[in-house]
């Protein structure tokens, strides 16, 4: 389930780049099962190209894990043109109630 808080009366909330992804699971046979969910996420959302250095971090906060990704060089509005993506900012991924998180990072 994907949800974006697009409320026309709240301009601050409407312009905030937030997406909620929720997984709801239940067994159809009434038994308990062990499950794994793969949710692919990439740091490419915070860089213009795939080769710049990206800083990744993982930190626990109360009952959730926070993963963050950011470009090492925060080049805010430096590039211009038609084929340019964001090259600044921080992407956060908050995971509630997970028992195990696998985080793969590409090294140099």
Foldseek 3Di string as FASTA:
>chain_A
DKDQPCDPVDPVSNPDPDIDDDDDDDDPVPDDDDDDDDDDDDLVLQAFDDPADKDWDWDDDDQKIKIKIHGPDACPPVDDDDSGHHNGDMDIDIGGNDPDDDDDDDDD
